[in-house]
Amino acid sequence: MSLEETTNQAKQPQLNKQETNQSTASALPSEPLSGHLNHLSDKQSEALGAFKKECVARNIYTPAGEGVKASHDDSTLLRFLRARRFDVNGALAQFQATEEWRKENQIDALYENFDVDSYEEARKVYPQWTGRRDRRGIPVYVYTIKHLNSKNMTAYSSSAASTATSATHTSSKVPARLLRLFALYENMVRFVLPLCSNLDRPNPETPIVNTTNIVDITGVGLKQFWNLKGHMQDASTLATAHYPETLDRIFIIGAPVFFPTVWGWIKRWFDPGTTSKIFILTAAEVQPTLSSFIDAKNIPKRYGGELEWDWGDMPNLDEPARAIAGSLEKVGQYADLPEDGEAAKDAETRKANFVKGPVVVHDDKIDVYGSVKGESRRKSLPLHLSQDEKGAEIIGQEQSGESDSTVQLSNDLEKVALSCNDENTAPTTNVVTPA
């Protein structure tokens, strides 16, 4: 389809609420925790057991032993099962493909050795965590599209192709832009989600495994959307294939009159389960709708809330997060400053000192990883959990990370994503992006 034909299509009427799932009521699932840890039906529990057994047989999962954690926590395994509506064979195929992809691409090593400046460049062209959460404790990401103009994206592509990404991937055949994207998703599953799982919320027995996204397309023209198709599709394909069920919902705001045409492109990138989580809000609906899901103090001011945060800022942690992970605001962007209890009293100082790049949350500490100017960066910071918080940490969960596993991207991503959308296969639900 030519750009001229696309422009002509833009004159069609606006999407109706039924097609775009705009209504706030429809954004409220009747059983939001169904299929999540500690909220399983008998059949779902049986499926999880069968799934683990098959994964052990294929040597892609190791159960917990005496003094040894499982290779993957139950909440991770359940994401793959939910993505395939608890079809064990379907989940097994996708999980095995993901493990092979992780192993082939050395995803753990990639993330832990990622160049901090390259990571920061990537963060600026994908969704960013505000440091805040919605009413259920799910992290809130914001994606402002207007900054991704031709000039900025050309500069980004050039930098990605010519700048080191990770000391372990100097000769990788995978395009640098994709390696950067992998690192951003790892930050979500190894830092943001585990941190939020350690914070007080309405259902502390269930880990936080997904994100809420505000996508701001204010001021974006049709040509810019067209030019960004590949950039956005990289993220949606990766998420669908290897990070399933990490999207809770997406709120799109600032939609122009031609958005029905753009929506026609976008919905082809996702399965029906994912598109059902996307809600397009009119200007009048933005503040009341966001406020129904997110406390005003956690909504950025530009969207009608009270939060001092704007696109490009480092996370502005809420007080519960600051109480256990405030050390991240005290060590400097490159983790080159000593911890100083006086260094992060005001918001501007916290922004200036919040550590950049790869971070991993463990049971009792936070590890700062990455490399700075070719030198490996390693620093452990305290995770200040109270005894009550430690005791409430995910009842019955076999904890661990996303695991050390991995196989090629591009073509394989497309194959797995297509299999997720096969009409004979239960749909996979997932995220649009993060960072």
Protein backbone atom coordinates (compact mmCIF):
# COMPACT_ATOMS: atom_id res chain seq x y z
CA MET A 1 0.00 0.00 0.00
CA SER A 2 1.41 3.40 -0.98
CA LEU A 3 1.62 6.28 1.47
CA GLU A 4 -0.93 8.16 -0.68
CA GLU A 5 -3.41 5.29 -0.43
CA THR A 6 -2.86 5.15 3.30
CA THR A 7 -3.49 8.88 3.61
CA ASN A 8 -6.79 8.53 1.74
CA GLN A 9 -7.87 5.79 4.12
CA ALA A 10 -7.22 8.16 7.02
CA LYS A 11 -10.41 10.02 6.18
CA GLN A 12 -12.55 7.16 7.43
CA PRO A 13 -14.56 7.67 10.65
CA GLN A 14 -12.92 7.29 14.04
CA LEU A 15 -12.76 3.83 15.56
CA ASN A 16 -15.78 2.97 17.62
CA LYS A 17 -15.44 1.93 21.22
CA GLN A 18 -16.27 -1.69 20.55
CA GLU A 19 -13.46 -2.03 18.02
CA THR A 20 -10.82 -0.32 20.16
CA ASN A 21 -11.92 -1.49 23.62
CA GLN A 22 -12.05 2.15 24.71
CA SER A 23 -14.50 1.86 27.55
CA THR A 24 -13.05 1.88 31.02
CA ALA A 25 -15.39 -0.88 32.10
CA SER A 26 -14.01 -3.19 29.45
CA ALA A 27 -10.52 -2.59 30.82
CA LEU A 28 -11.49 -4.39 34.00
CA PRO A 29 -11.16 -8.17 33.61
CA SER A 30 -13.66 -10.15 35.66
CA GLU A 31 -10.97 -12.42 37.15
CA PRO A 32 -7.66 -10.59 36.69
CA LEU A 33 -5.61 -13.08 38.73
CA SER A 34 -6.99 -16.25 37.17
CA GLY A 35 -4.08 -18.40 36.03
CA HIS A 36 -1.57 -16.55 38.21
CA LEU A 37 0.45 -18.06 41.05
CA ASN A 38 -1.69 -18.91 44.09
CA HIS A 39 -4.85 -18.32 42.02
CA LEU A 40 -4.89 -21.52 39.98
CA SER A 41 -7.85 -23.78 39.39
CA ASP A 42 -7.36 -27.52 39.84
CA LYS A 43 -6.98 -27.96 36.08
CA GLN A 44 -4.46 -25.14 35.88
CA SER A 45 -2.44 -26.64 38.72
CA GLU A 46 -2.44 -29.98 36.93
CA ALA A 47 -1.27 -28.28 33.75
CA LEU A 48 1.58 -26.59 35.62
CA GLY A 49 2.68 -29.92 37.06
CA ALA A 50 2.55 -31.60 33.66
CA PHE A 51 4.41 -28.69 32.09
CA LYS A 52 7.22 -28.92 34.64
CA LYS A 53 7.51 -32.66 34.10
CA GLU A 54 7.85 -32.24 30.34
CA CYS A 55 10.36 -29.41 30.77
CA VAL A 56 12.50 -31.59 33.04
CA ALA A 57 12.36 -34.39 30.46
CA ARG A 58 13.62 -31.98 27.80
CA ASN A 59 16.33 -30.64 30.11
CA ILE A 60 15.04 -27.06 29.93
CA TYR A 61 13.96 -26.79 33.56
CA THR A 62 15.54 -27.91 36.84
CA PRO A 63 13.26 -28.16 39.88
CA ALA A 64 14.31 -26.88 43.28
CA GLY A 65 16.44 -29.16 45.41
CA GLU A 66 17.90 -29.01 48.89
CA GLY A 67 19.46 -25.57 49.18
CA VAL A 68 19.11 -25.01 45.43
CA LYS A 69 16.48 -22.93 43.69
CA ALA A 70 14.56 -23.99 40.63
CA SER A 71 16.04 -22.81 37.34
CA HIS A 72 12.84 -20.83 36.71
CA ASP A 73 10.23 -19.59 39.14
CA ASP A 74 6.63 -20.71 38.83
CA SER A 75 5.44 -17.26 37.80
CA THR A 76 7.69 -17.42 34.71
CA LEU A 77 6.42 -20.87 33.73
CA LEU A 78 2.84 -19.70 34.21
CA ARG A 79 3.35 -16.82 31.79
CA PHE A 80 3.99 -19.33 29.02
CA LEU A 81 1.01 -21.43 30.06
CA ARG A 82 -1.34 -18.43 30.18
CA ALA A 83 -0.09 -17.35 26.77
CA ARG A 84 -1.29 -20.68 25.38
CA ARG A 85 -4.41 -20.90 27.53
CA PHE A 86 -2.84 -23.71 29.56
CA ASP A 87 -2.29 -25.91 26.53
CA VAL A 88 0.78 -27.78 27.79
CA ASN A 89 2.12 -28.76 24.37
CA GLY A 90 1.77 -25.24 22.99
CA ALA A 91 3.44 -23.70 26.04
CA LEU A 92 6.19 -26.32 25.90
CA ALA A 93 7.02 -25.50 22.29
CA GLN A 94 7.22 -21.77 23.00
CA PHE A 95 9.19 -22.20 26.22
CA GLN A 96 11.71 -24.50 24.54
CA ALA A 97 12.13 -22.05 21.65
CA THR A 98 12.75 -19.28 24.17
CA GLU A 99 15.29 -21.31 26.10
CA GLU A 100 17.17 -22.12 22.91
CA TRP A 101 17.05 -18.46 21.89
CA ARG A 102 18.40 -17.37 25.29
CA LYS A 103 21.21 -19.91 25.16
CA GLU A 104 22.21 -19.16 21.58
CA ASN A 105 22.27 -15.41 22.21
CA GLN A 106 23.75 -15.62 25.74
CA ILE A 107 21.07 -13.27 27.01
CA ASP A 108 22.22 -13.27 30.64
CA ALA A 109 25.81 -12.41 29.65
CA LEU A 110 24.59 -9.84 27.14
CA TYR A 111 22.62 -7.96 29.78
CA GLU A 112 25.19 -8.20 32.55
CA ASN A 113 27.99 -6.86 30.34
CA PHE A 114 26.00 -4.30 28.38
CA ASP A 115 27.62 -0.93 27.71
CA VAL A 116 25.88 1.60 29.96
CA ASP A 117 25.84 4.43 27.41
CA SER A 118 24.47 2.13 24.70
CA TYR A 119 21.80 0.98 27.11
CA GLU A 120 20.83 4.58 27.87
CA GLU A 121 20.55 5.38 24.16
CA ALA A 122 18.20 2.42 23.74
CA ARG A 123 16.13 3.43 26.75
CA LYS A 124 15.35 6.74 25.05
CA VAL A 125 13.63 5.13 22.06
CA TYR A 126 11.44 2.63 23.91
CA PRO A 127 8.98 2.74 26.84
CA GLN A 128 10.44 3.98 30.12
CA TRP A 129 9.51 3.00 33.66
CA THR A 130 8.34 6.01 35.63
CA GLY A 131 9.37 4.42 38.92
CA ARG A 132 5.69 4.22 39.88
CA ARG A 133 2.97 1.57 39.96
CA ASP A 134 -0.76 1.36 39.38
CA ARG A 135 -3.31 0.56 42.09
CA ARG A 136 -2.53 -3.16 41.87
CA GLY A 137 1.23 -2.66 42.15
CA ILE A 138 1.96 -3.12 38.43
CA PRO A 139 4.77 -0.86 37.11
CA VAL A 140 3.70 2.03 34.89
CA TYR A 141 5.70 2.66 31.70
CA VAL A 142 5.35 5.68 29.41
CA TYR A 143 6.18 5.77 25.71
CA THR A 144 6.24 9.19 24.02
CA ILE A 145 6.40 8.69 20.27
CA LYS A 146 6.85 12.23 18.92
CA HIS A 147 10.56 12.21 19.86
CA LEU A 148 11.17 9.31 17.48
CA ASN A 149 11.43 11.48 14.38
CA SER A 150 13.54 10.66 11.32
CA LYS A 151 16.53 12.67 12.52
CA ASN A 152 16.64 11.03 15.96
CA MET A 153 16.00 7.52 14.66
CA THR A 154 18.69 7.86 11.96
CA ALA A 155 21.16 8.97 14.62
CA TYR A 156 20.09 6.08 16.85
CA SER A 157 20.49 3.49 14.08
CA SER A 158 23.92 4.85 13.20
CA SER A 159 25.05 4.78 16.82
CA ALA A 160 23.71 1.27 17.37
CA ALA A 161 25.62 0.00 14.36
CA SER A 162 28.92 1.62 15.34
CA THR A 163 28.95 1.50 19.14
CA ALA A 164 29.84 -1.44 21.36
CA THR A 165 26.88 -3.15 22.98
CA SER A 166 28.36 -5.85 25.19
CA ALA A 167 31.86 -7.23 25.68
CA THR A 168 30.45 -10.72 25.19
CA HIS A 169 28.81 -9.93 21.85
CA THR A 170 31.46 -8.15 19.79
CA SER A 171 31.02 -10.55 16.87
CA SER A 172 27.31 -11.30 17.19
CA LYS A 173 25.43 -11.85 13.93
CA VAL A 174 22.31 -10.37 15.52
CA PRO A 175 21.80 -6.69 14.58
CA ALA A 176 22.89 -4.30 17.32
CA ARG A 177 19.46 -2.69 17.46
CA LEU A 178 17.99 -6.05 18.50
CA LEU A 179 20.70 -6.71 21.09
CA ARG A 180 19.78 -3.38 22.66
CA LEU A 181 16.12 -4.34 22.66
CA PHE A 182 16.93 -7.67 24.35
CA ALA A 183 18.69 -5.78 27.15
CA LEU A 184 15.67 -3.55 27.77
CA TYR A 185 13.36 -6.54 28.14
CA GLU A 186 15.83 -8.17 30.51
CA ASN A 187 15.77 -5.02 32.63
CA MET A 188 12.02 -5.39 32.89
CA VAL A 189 12.03 -9.05 33.97
CA ARG A 190 15.18 -8.95 36.12
CA PHE A 191 14.89 -5.52 37.74
CA VAL A 192 11.53 -3.77 37.49
CA LEU A 193 9.17 -6.73 37.97
CA PRO A 194 11.14 -8.35 40.85
CA LEU A 195 11.45 -4.99 42.60
CA CYS A 196 7.71 -4.37 42.33
CA SER A 197 7.05 -7.92 43.55
CA ASN A 198 8.82 -7.02 46.80
CA LEU A 199 6.53 -4.04 47.46
CA ASP A 200 3.23 -3.91 49.32
CA ARG A 201 0.15 -4.27 47.11
CA PRO A 202 -3.39 -5.71 47.20
CA ASN A 203 -2.29 -9.30 46.35
CA PRO A 204 1.22 -9.82 47.75
CA GLU A 205 0.89 -13.60 47.36
CA THR A 206 1.14 -13.21 43.59
CA PRO A 207 4.30 -11.89 41.87
CA ILE A 208 4.13 -8.90 39.57
CA VAL A 209 4.79 -10.22 36.06
CA ASN A 210 3.44 -7.58 33.69
CA THR A 211 3.33 -3.85 32.99
CA THR A 212 0.87 -1.04 32.42
CA ASN A 213 1.78 1.22 29.49
CA ILE A 214 0.77 4.77 28.57
CA VAL A 215 1.58 5.35 24.90
CA ASP A 216 1.45 9.03 23.94
CA ILE A 217 1.10 9.60 20.20
CA THR A 218 0.29 13.30 20.44
CA GLY A 219 1.67 15.26 17.50
CA VAL A 220 2.73 12.21 15.50
CA GLY A 221 2.06 12.40 11.77
CA LEU A 222 1.13 9.58 9.44
CA LYS A 223 4.54 9.56 7.76
CA GLN A 224 6.26 9.24 11.14
CA PHE A 225 4.05 6.27 12.05
CA TRP A 226 4.91 4.66 8.74
CA ASN A 227 8.65 5.16 9.28
CA LEU A 228 8.43 3.63 12.77
CA LYS A 229 6.66 0.44 11.71
CA GLY A 230 9.82 -1.67 11.72
CA HIS A 231 11.07 -0.22 15.00
CA MET A 232 7.84 -0.98 16.82
CA GLN A 233 7.36 -4.35 15.18
CA ASP A 234 10.77 -5.50 16.44
CA ALA A 235 9.53 -5.03 19.99
CA SER A 236 6.10 -6.57 19.51
CA THR A 237 7.59 -9.62 17.78
CA LEU A 238 10.21 -10.15 20.48
CA ALA A 239 7.65 -9.79 23.24
CA THR A 240 5.15 -12.17 21.67
CA ALA A 241 7.78 -14.81 21.03
CA HIS A 242 9.99 -14.74 24.14
CA TYR A 243 8.43 -12.52 26.83
CA PRO A 244 4.77 -13.61 26.74
CA GLU A 245 2.17 -12.26 29.14
CA THR A 246 4.24 -9.28 30.25
CA LEU A 247 1.58 -6.77 29.21
CA ASP A 248 -1.32 -5.93 31.48
CA ARG A 249 -2.81 -3.12 29.38
CA ILE A 250 -1.89 -0.24 27.09
CA PHE A 251 -3.58 3.16 27.14
CA ILE A 252 -3.10 5.07 23.88
CA ILE A 253 -3.59 8.81 24.17
CA GLY A 254 -3.40 11.69 21.70
CA ALA A 255 -4.68 9.62 18.77
CA PRO A 256 -4.96 11.73 15.58
CA VAL A 257 -7.88 11.59 13.16
CA PHE A 258 -6.06 9.14 10.88
CA PHE A 259 -5.39 6.64 13.67
CA PRO A 260 -7.90 4.07 12.33
CA THR A 261 -5.44 3.46 9.49
CA VAL A 262 -2.51 3.06 11.87
CA TRP A 263 -4.60 0.79 14.07
CA GLY A 264 -5.12 -1.41 11.04
CA TRP A 265 -1.36 -1.95 10.84
CA ILE A 266 -0.75 -2.32 14.55
CA LYS A 267 -3.37 -4.94 15.30
CA ARG A 268 -1.79 -7.27 12.73
CA TRP A 269 1.34 -7.42 14.88
CA PHE A 270 -0.53 -8.89 17.83
CA ASP A 271 -2.81 -11.79 18.53
CA PRO A 272 -6.42 -11.07 19.58
CA GLY A 273 -5.58 -11.50 23.25
CA THR A 274 -3.07 -8.67 23.08
CA THR A 275 -5.21 -6.27 21.07
CA SER A 276 -7.97 -6.73 23.64
CA LYS A 277 -5.62 -5.08 26.16
CA ILE A 278 -5.17 -1.90 24.13
CA PHE A 279 -7.47 1.03 25.00
CA ILE A 280 -7.62 4.19 22.91
CA LEU A 281 -8.66 7.21 24.97
CA THR A 282 -10.08 10.53 23.83
CA ALA A 283 -8.66 13.70 25.39
CA ALA A 284 -11.64 13.86 27.76
CA GLU A 285 -11.11 10.26 28.88
CA VAL A 286 -7.39 10.42 29.68
CA GLN A 287 -7.40 11.82 33.22
CA PRO A 288 -10.51 10.04 34.56
CA THR A 289 -9.54 6.71 33.00
CA LEU A 290 -5.93 6.77 34.15
CA SER A 291 -7.07 7.87 37.62
CA SER A 292 -9.36 4.86 37.86
CA PHE A 293 -6.33 2.57 37.53
CA ILE A 294 -3.48 4.69 38.90
CA ASP A 295 -3.33 6.99 41.93
CA ALA A 296 -2.95 10.65 40.93
CA LYS A 297 0.41 10.88 42.70
CA ASN A 298 1.72 8.20 40.33
CA ILE A 299 0.43 9.75 37.09
CA PRO A 300 2.80 12.21 35.35
CA LYS A 301 1.60 15.80 35.50
CA ARG A 302 1.25 16.08 31.74
CA TYR A 303 -1.49 13.42 31.89
CA GLY A 304 -3.45 15.05 34.70
CA GLY A 305 -1.61 13.60 37.68
CA GLU A 306 0.81 14.89 40.31
CA LEU A 307 4.04 13.06 39.47
CA GLU A 308 7.16 15.09 38.65
CA TRP A 309 8.33 12.89 35.80
CA ASP A 310 8.71 13.50 32.11
CA TRP A 311 9.90 11.52 29.13
CA GLY A 312 13.64 10.84 29.39
CA ASP A 313 13.78 11.05 33.19
CA MET A 314 15.21 8.24 35.27
CA PRO A 315 12.67 6.40 37.48
CA ASN A 316 11.18 8.51 40.27
CA LEU A 317 10.66 5.80 42.88
CA ASP A 318 7.63 5.89 45.15
CA GLU A 319 8.27 5.81 48.89
CA PRO A 320 7.82 2.04 49.34
CA ALA A 321 10.32 1.37 46.53
CA ARG A 322 12.69 4.00 47.88
CA ALA A 323 12.55 2.37 51.31
CA ILE A 324 13.99 -0.90 50.00
CA ALA A 325 15.93 0.22 46.92
CA GLY A 326 16.81 3.84 47.60
CA SER A 327 20.48 2.96 47.25
CA LEU A 328 19.93 3.12 43.48
CA GLU A 329 19.44 6.89 43.85
CA LYS A 330 22.67 7.43 45.76
CA VAL A 331 25.46 5.81 43.78
CA GLY A 332 25.65 8.01 40.69
CA GLN A 333 24.57 7.25 37.14
CA TYR A 334 27.65 5.10 36.54
CA ALA A 335 27.75 3.70 40.10
CA ASP A 336 30.94 5.68 40.59
CA LEU A 337 29.96 7.54 43.76
CA PRO A 338 30.04 6.14 47.29
CA GLU A 339 26.71 5.61 48.97
CA ASP A 340 25.87 8.79 50.86
CA GLY A 341 22.80 9.11 53.01
CA GLU A 342 22.77 12.87 52.35
CA ALA A 343 23.10 12.60 48.58
CA ALA A 344 19.51 12.00 47.54
CA LYS A 345 17.26 14.25 49.59
CA ASP A 346 15.55 16.09 46.74
CA ALA A 347 14.05 14.90 43.47
CA GLU A 348 16.65 16.59 41.25
CA THR A 349 19.54 15.00 43.14
CA ARG A 350 17.86 11.61 42.95
CA LYS A 351 17.47 11.98 39.18
CA ALA A 352 21.12 12.96 38.86
CA ASN A 353 22.34 10.03 40.92
CA PHE A 354 19.98 7.22 39.82
CA VAL A 355 22.14 4.46 38.40
CA LYS A 356 21.97 3.86 34.64
CA GLY A 357 22.19 0.58 32.80
CA PRO A 358 21.73 -3.08 33.78
CA VAL A 359 20.44 -3.80 37.29
CA VAL A 360 19.27 -7.10 38.79
CA VAL A 361 17.15 -7.55 41.92
CA HIS A 362 17.91 -10.66 43.99
CA ASP A 363 16.33 -11.94 47.20
CA ASP A 364 18.51 -9.83 49.48
CA LYS A 365 20.51 -7.46 47.28
CA ILE A 366 20.61 -5.41 44.10
CA ASP A 367 23.46 -6.03 41.66
CA VAL A 368 24.57 -3.24 39.35
CA TYR A 369 26.04 -4.66 36.15
CA GLY A 370 27.21 -3.46 32.75
CA SER A 371 30.38 -1.88 31.45
CA VAL A 372 31.61 1.72 31.35
CA LYS A 373 34.13 2.70 28.67
CA GLY A 374 35.08 -0.94 28.22
CA GLU A 375 35.57 -1.61 31.93
CA SER A 376 33.34 -4.13 33.69
CA ARG A 377 31.06 -2.57 36.32
CA ARG A 378 30.07 -4.64 39.35
CA LYS A 379 28.50 -3.25 42.51
CA SER A 380 26.18 -4.84 45.06
CA LEU A 381 23.70 -2.65 46.91
CA PRO A 382 21.44 -3.56 49.84
CA LEU A 383 17.81 -4.49 49.34
CA HIS A 384 16.25 -3.34 52.60
CA LEU A 385 13.47 -5.84 53.21
CA SER A 386 11.78 -6.03 56.58
CA GLN A 387 11.17 -9.43 58.12
CA ASP A 388 7.47 -9.07 57.31
CA GLU A 389 8.27 -8.35 53.67
CA LYS A 390 10.64 -11.30 53.48
CA GLY A 391 8.00 -13.55 54.97
CA ALA A 392 5.39 -12.37 52.48
CA GLU A 393 7.61 -12.96 49.46
CA ILE A 394 5.54 -15.00 47.07
CA ILE A 395 4.09 -17.88 49.02
CA GLY A 396 4.74 -21.23 47.38
CA GLN A 397 6.91 -19.80 44.62
CA GLU A 398 10.01 -21.59 43.37
CA GLN A 399 12.03 -18.45 42.85
CA SER A 400 14.73 -17.68 40.34
CA GLY A 401 15.38 -15.47 37.37
CA GLU A 402 14.43 -15.81 33.73
CA SER A 403 17.18 -18.43 33.48
CA ASP A 404 20.41 -18.75 31.55
CA SER A 405 19.21 -19.88 28.19
CA THR A 406 18.86 -18.58 24.65
CA VAL A 407 18.74 -19.19 20.06
CA GLN A 408 18.81 -16.70 17.08
CA LEU A 409 16.44 -13.83 16.60
CA SER A 410 15.06 -12.23 13.49
CA ASN A 411 13.74 -15.21 11.50
CA ASP A 412 13.16 -17.36 14.57
CA LEU A 413 11.26 -14.55 16.24
CA GLU A 414 8.97 -14.28 13.27
CA LYS A 415 8.39 -18.04 13.20
CA VAL A 416 7.48 -18.23 16.87
CA ALA A 417 5.34 -15.11 16.67
CA LEU A 418 3.48 -16.49 13.68
CA SER A 419 2.92 -19.76 15.50
CA CYS A 420 1.42 -17.75 18.35
CA ASN A 421 -1.12 -16.33 15.91
CA ASP A 422 -1.93 -19.57 14.11
CA GLU A 423 -5.68 -19.98 14.00
CA ASN A 424 -5.34 -23.51 15.30
CA THR A 425 -3.24 -22.43 18.25
CA ALA A 426 -4.42 -20.75 21.42
CA PRO A 427 -3.42 -17.07 21.22
CA THR A 428 -0.42 -15.62 23.01
CA THR A 429 -0.92 -12.40 24.88
CA ASN A 430 1.90 -10.03 25.45
CA VAL A 431 3.50 -6.62 25.70
CA VAL A 432 3.98 -3.83 23.24
CA THR A 433 7.41 -2.75 24.49
CA PRO A 434 9.30 -1.68 27.69
CA ALA A 435 12.49 -0.10 28.80
